[in-house]
Protein backbone atom coordinates (compact mmCIF):
# COMPACT_ATOMS: atom_id res chain seq x y z
CA MET A 1 30.25 -50.66 14.12
CA GLU A 2 30.86 -46.93 14.76
CA THR A 3 28.20 -44.52 15.85
CA VAL A 4 27.80 -41.43 14.02
CA TYR A 5 26.27 -38.40 15.82
CA CYS A 6 24.64 -35.43 13.53
CA THR A 7 26.98 -32.39 13.80
CA SER A 8 24.31 -29.94 12.64
CA TRP A 9 20.47 -29.38 12.56
CA ILE A 10 18.36 -29.73 9.85
CA TYR A 11 14.75 -28.17 10.75
CA LEU A 12 11.62 -27.14 9.11
CA THR A 13 10.48 -23.72 8.86
CA GLY A 14 8.61 -21.06 7.01
CA PRO A 15 8.90 -22.28 3.21
CA GLY A 16 10.97 -25.25 3.55
CA LEU A 17 13.80 -26.96 5.58
CA ARG A 18 16.60 -25.23 6.57
CA TYR A 19 20.41 -26.38 7.33
CA VAL A 20 22.28 -24.74 10.12
CA PRO A 21 25.90 -25.51 10.14
CA LYS A 22 27.98 -27.03 13.09
CA ASP A 23 29.98 -23.96 13.57
CA ALA A 24 26.96 -21.63 13.80
CA LEU A 25 25.71 -24.19 16.52
CA GLU A 26 28.84 -23.90 18.53
CA SER A 27 28.69 -19.94 18.33
CA LYS A 28 27.63 -17.89 21.45
CA TYR A 29 26.68 -14.97 18.81
CA PHE A 30 24.42 -17.44 16.80
CA TRP A 31 22.24 -18.10 20.26
CA LEU A 32 22.23 -14.68 21.37
CA LEU A 33 21.12 -13.32 17.89
CA LEU A 34 18.35 -15.97 18.11
CA ALA A 35 17.26 -15.05 21.35
CA VAL A 36 16.84 -11.42 20.58
CA ILE A 37 14.91 -12.35 17.47
CA VAL A 38 12.46 -14.27 19.58
CA ILE A 39 12.31 -11.75 22.24
CA VAL A 40 11.66 -8.77 19.67
CA SER A 41 9.12 -11.06 17.80
CA ILE A 42 7.09 -11.79 21.07
CA LEU A 43 7.21 -8.15 22.40
CA PHE A 44 6.34 -6.56 19.12
CA LYS A 45 4.13 -9.01 17.50
CA ASP A 46 1.20 -6.97 16.88
CA LYS A 47 3.24 -3.85 15.60
CA LEU A 48 5.18 -6.12 13.54
CA GLN A 49 1.90 -8.07 11.97
CA LYS A 50 0.32 -4.44 11.64
CA LEU A 51 3.09 -3.05 9.70
CA ALA A 52 3.02 -6.26 7.51
CA ASP A 53 -0.54 -5.82 6.82
CA THR A 54 -0.09 -2.07 5.77
CA PRO A 55 -0.46 -0.92 2.00
CA ILE A 56 2.59 0.84 1.24
CA SER A 57 0.60 3.96 0.32
CA ASP A 58 -0.47 4.22 3.93
CA LEU A 59 3.05 4.11 5.69
CA PHE A 60 3.48 7.83 4.14
CA LYS A 61 0.28 9.21 5.17
CA SER A 62 1.59 11.17 7.98
CA ARG A 63 4.22 12.94 6.34
CA PRO A 64 3.62 16.58 5.92
CA SER A 65 2.83 18.00 2.63
CA PRO A 66 5.74 19.89 1.34
CA ASN A 67 3.03 22.38 0.05
CA PRO A 68 0.62 22.80 2.75
CA GLY A 69 -2.04 24.40 0.69
CA SER A 70 -1.84 21.62 -2.28
CA PRO A 71 -4.23 18.77 -2.63
CA LYS A 72 -3.84 15.94 -0.72
CA ILE A 73 -4.93 12.17 -2.07
CA THR A 74 -4.91 9.31 0.17
CA TYR A 75 -6.35 5.64 -0.27
CA SER A 76 -8.27 3.20 1.84
CA SER A 77 -8.81 -0.17 0.95
CA ASP A 78 -11.67 -2.80 1.52
CA GLY A 79 -10.20 -5.79 -0.36
CA ARG A 80 -11.20 -5.70 -4.02
CA SER A 81 -12.46 -1.91 -3.75
CA GLY A 82 -11.94 0.98 -1.70
CA HIS A 83 -11.89 4.88 -1.55
CA VAL A 84 -9.76 7.60 -2.87
CA HIS A 85 -9.89 10.47 -0.53
CA TYR A 86 -9.21 14.14 -2.06
CA ARG A 87 -8.48 16.82 0.66
CA SER A 88 -7.68 20.62 -0.46
CA PRO A 89 -8.53 23.90 1.10
CA GLU A 90 -11.19 24.35 -1.52
CA GLY A 91 -13.03 21.26 -0.92
CA SER A 92 -12.87 17.73 0.14
CA PHE A 93 -14.68 14.64 -1.28
CA ASP A 94 -14.40 10.62 -1.21
CA MET A 95 -14.64 8.26 -4.40
CA TYR A 96 -15.62 4.96 -4.64
CA TYR A 97 -13.11 2.58 -6.71
CA GLU A 98 -13.05 -0.86 -7.63
CA PHE A 99 -10.19 -3.23 -9.64
CA GLY A 100 -10.99 -3.40 -13.12
CA GLY A 101 -10.20 -5.93 -15.80
CA GLY A 102 -8.57 -6.20 -19.22
CA ALA A 103 -6.35 -3.07 -19.61
CA VAL A 104 -8.63 -0.90 -16.79
CA VAL A 105 -6.66 -1.68 -13.64
CA ALA A 106 -9.24 0.41 -11.59
CA GLY A 107 -12.16 2.39 -12.21
CA ILE A 108 -12.60 5.26 -9.74
CA ASN A 109 -16.35 6.61 -9.78
CA VAL A 110 -16.42 10.29 -9.84
CA PRO A 111 -19.16 12.92 -9.19
CA SER A 112 -21.29 13.65 -12.15
CA THR A 113 -21.44 17.25 -13.62
CA THR A 114 -24.93 17.72 -11.65
CA GLU A 115 -23.74 16.74 -8.34
CA TRP A 116 -20.19 17.96 -8.62
CA VAL A 117 -20.64 21.19 -6.53
CA ALA A 118 -23.04 19.82 -3.94
CA LYS A 119 -20.52 16.59 -3.24
CA THR A 120 -17.41 18.53 -3.53
CA GLY A 121 -17.79 22.21 -2.79
CA ILE A 122 -15.63 22.98 -5.82
CA PRO A 123 -16.84 24.82 -8.74
CA LEU A 124 -17.90 23.40 -11.58
CA GLU A 125 -15.58 25.06 -13.91
CA ARG A 126 -12.52 23.40 -12.27
CA ARG A 127 -14.17 19.84 -12.26
CA ASP A 128 -11.64 18.92 -15.39
CA GLU A 129 -8.58 20.32 -13.82
CA VAL A 130 -9.17 18.73 -10.44
CA LEU A 131 -10.09 15.17 -11.84
CA ASN A 132 -6.63 15.44 -14.12
CA SER A 133 -4.45 16.35 -11.10
CA ILE A 134 -6.26 13.22 -9.33
CA GLY A 135 -5.77 11.18 -12.18
CA ARG A 136 -2.12 12.08 -12.85
CA GLN A 137 -1.52 11.58 -8.80
CA VAL A 138 -3.22 8.09 -8.89
CA VAL A 139 -1.08 6.64 -11.83
CA LYS A 140 1.94 8.04 -10.08
CA ASP A 141 1.11 6.27 -6.51
CA GLN A 142 -0.47 3.28 -7.62
CA THR A 143 0.90 2.02 -11.29
CA LYS A 144 4.50 0.31 -11.52
CA ASN A 145 6.86 3.19 -11.64
CA GLY A 146 4.00 5.51 -12.39
CA ARG A 147 3.98 4.21 -16.16
CA GLY A 148 0.39 3.80 -16.30
CA SER A 149 -2.47 6.50 -17.92
CA TYR A 150 -5.72 7.34 -17.11
CA LYS A 151 -8.78 8.57 -18.88
CA ILE A 152 -12.03 10.04 -17.93
CA GLU A 153 -14.94 8.32 -19.47
CA GLY A 154 -18.27 9.76 -18.16
CA ASP A 155 -18.46 9.49 -14.17
CA TRP A 156 -15.51 6.97 -14.39
CA LEU A 157 -12.01 7.90 -13.83
CA ASN A 158 -10.54 4.85 -15.44
CA ILE A 159 -6.59 3.72 -14.46
CA TYR A 160 -4.86 1.77 -17.29
CA ALA A 161 -1.38 0.23 -16.61
C-alpha cells in the first residue's frame, strides 16, 4: 500500500476552515508576507484594536473645519446612549441622546426654552435655527446615506430613518 502525504494545509482560523494550496506553501513570498503580517500585528496590536473600536464619526474629528466660524457637531457614545456636542463661536453645549424604538432611530434631549440661554449662551430667538441645523447635520452624519429626517418635539429632537 502506498503512503499518501498531504500536499496542502487546512487550518482553522477566524470564521472557519481555510485552505492553503501547495504552490503557496512553497512560495517564499507567501512566507515573507505571513511574517510581515505577524510582525505588524504584534507591533501595532493596540493601535489596530483602537482603530477597530473607533466609531467612523470619530475618525474625522481632527479634520479642520472648512469654515472655522461655522458650528461644529461631534458625537460621543456610551453604548446605547451618548452626547451630541455643539460648538460655535456663539455658544457651546452638550445634549444627551439615546437610541429610540419604532420609527425613531434616536432621541436627542435639547434644552427647553426656559433654560436655553443659560445652558447654551445663544439667544432664544435663534433656538429653532440652531436646532434645525443640528437636526440636518445629525441626519446627514448618522443615517444611511443621509436619507433620514428629524422633528423637534418639545424638548426632544427625534431622528427618523
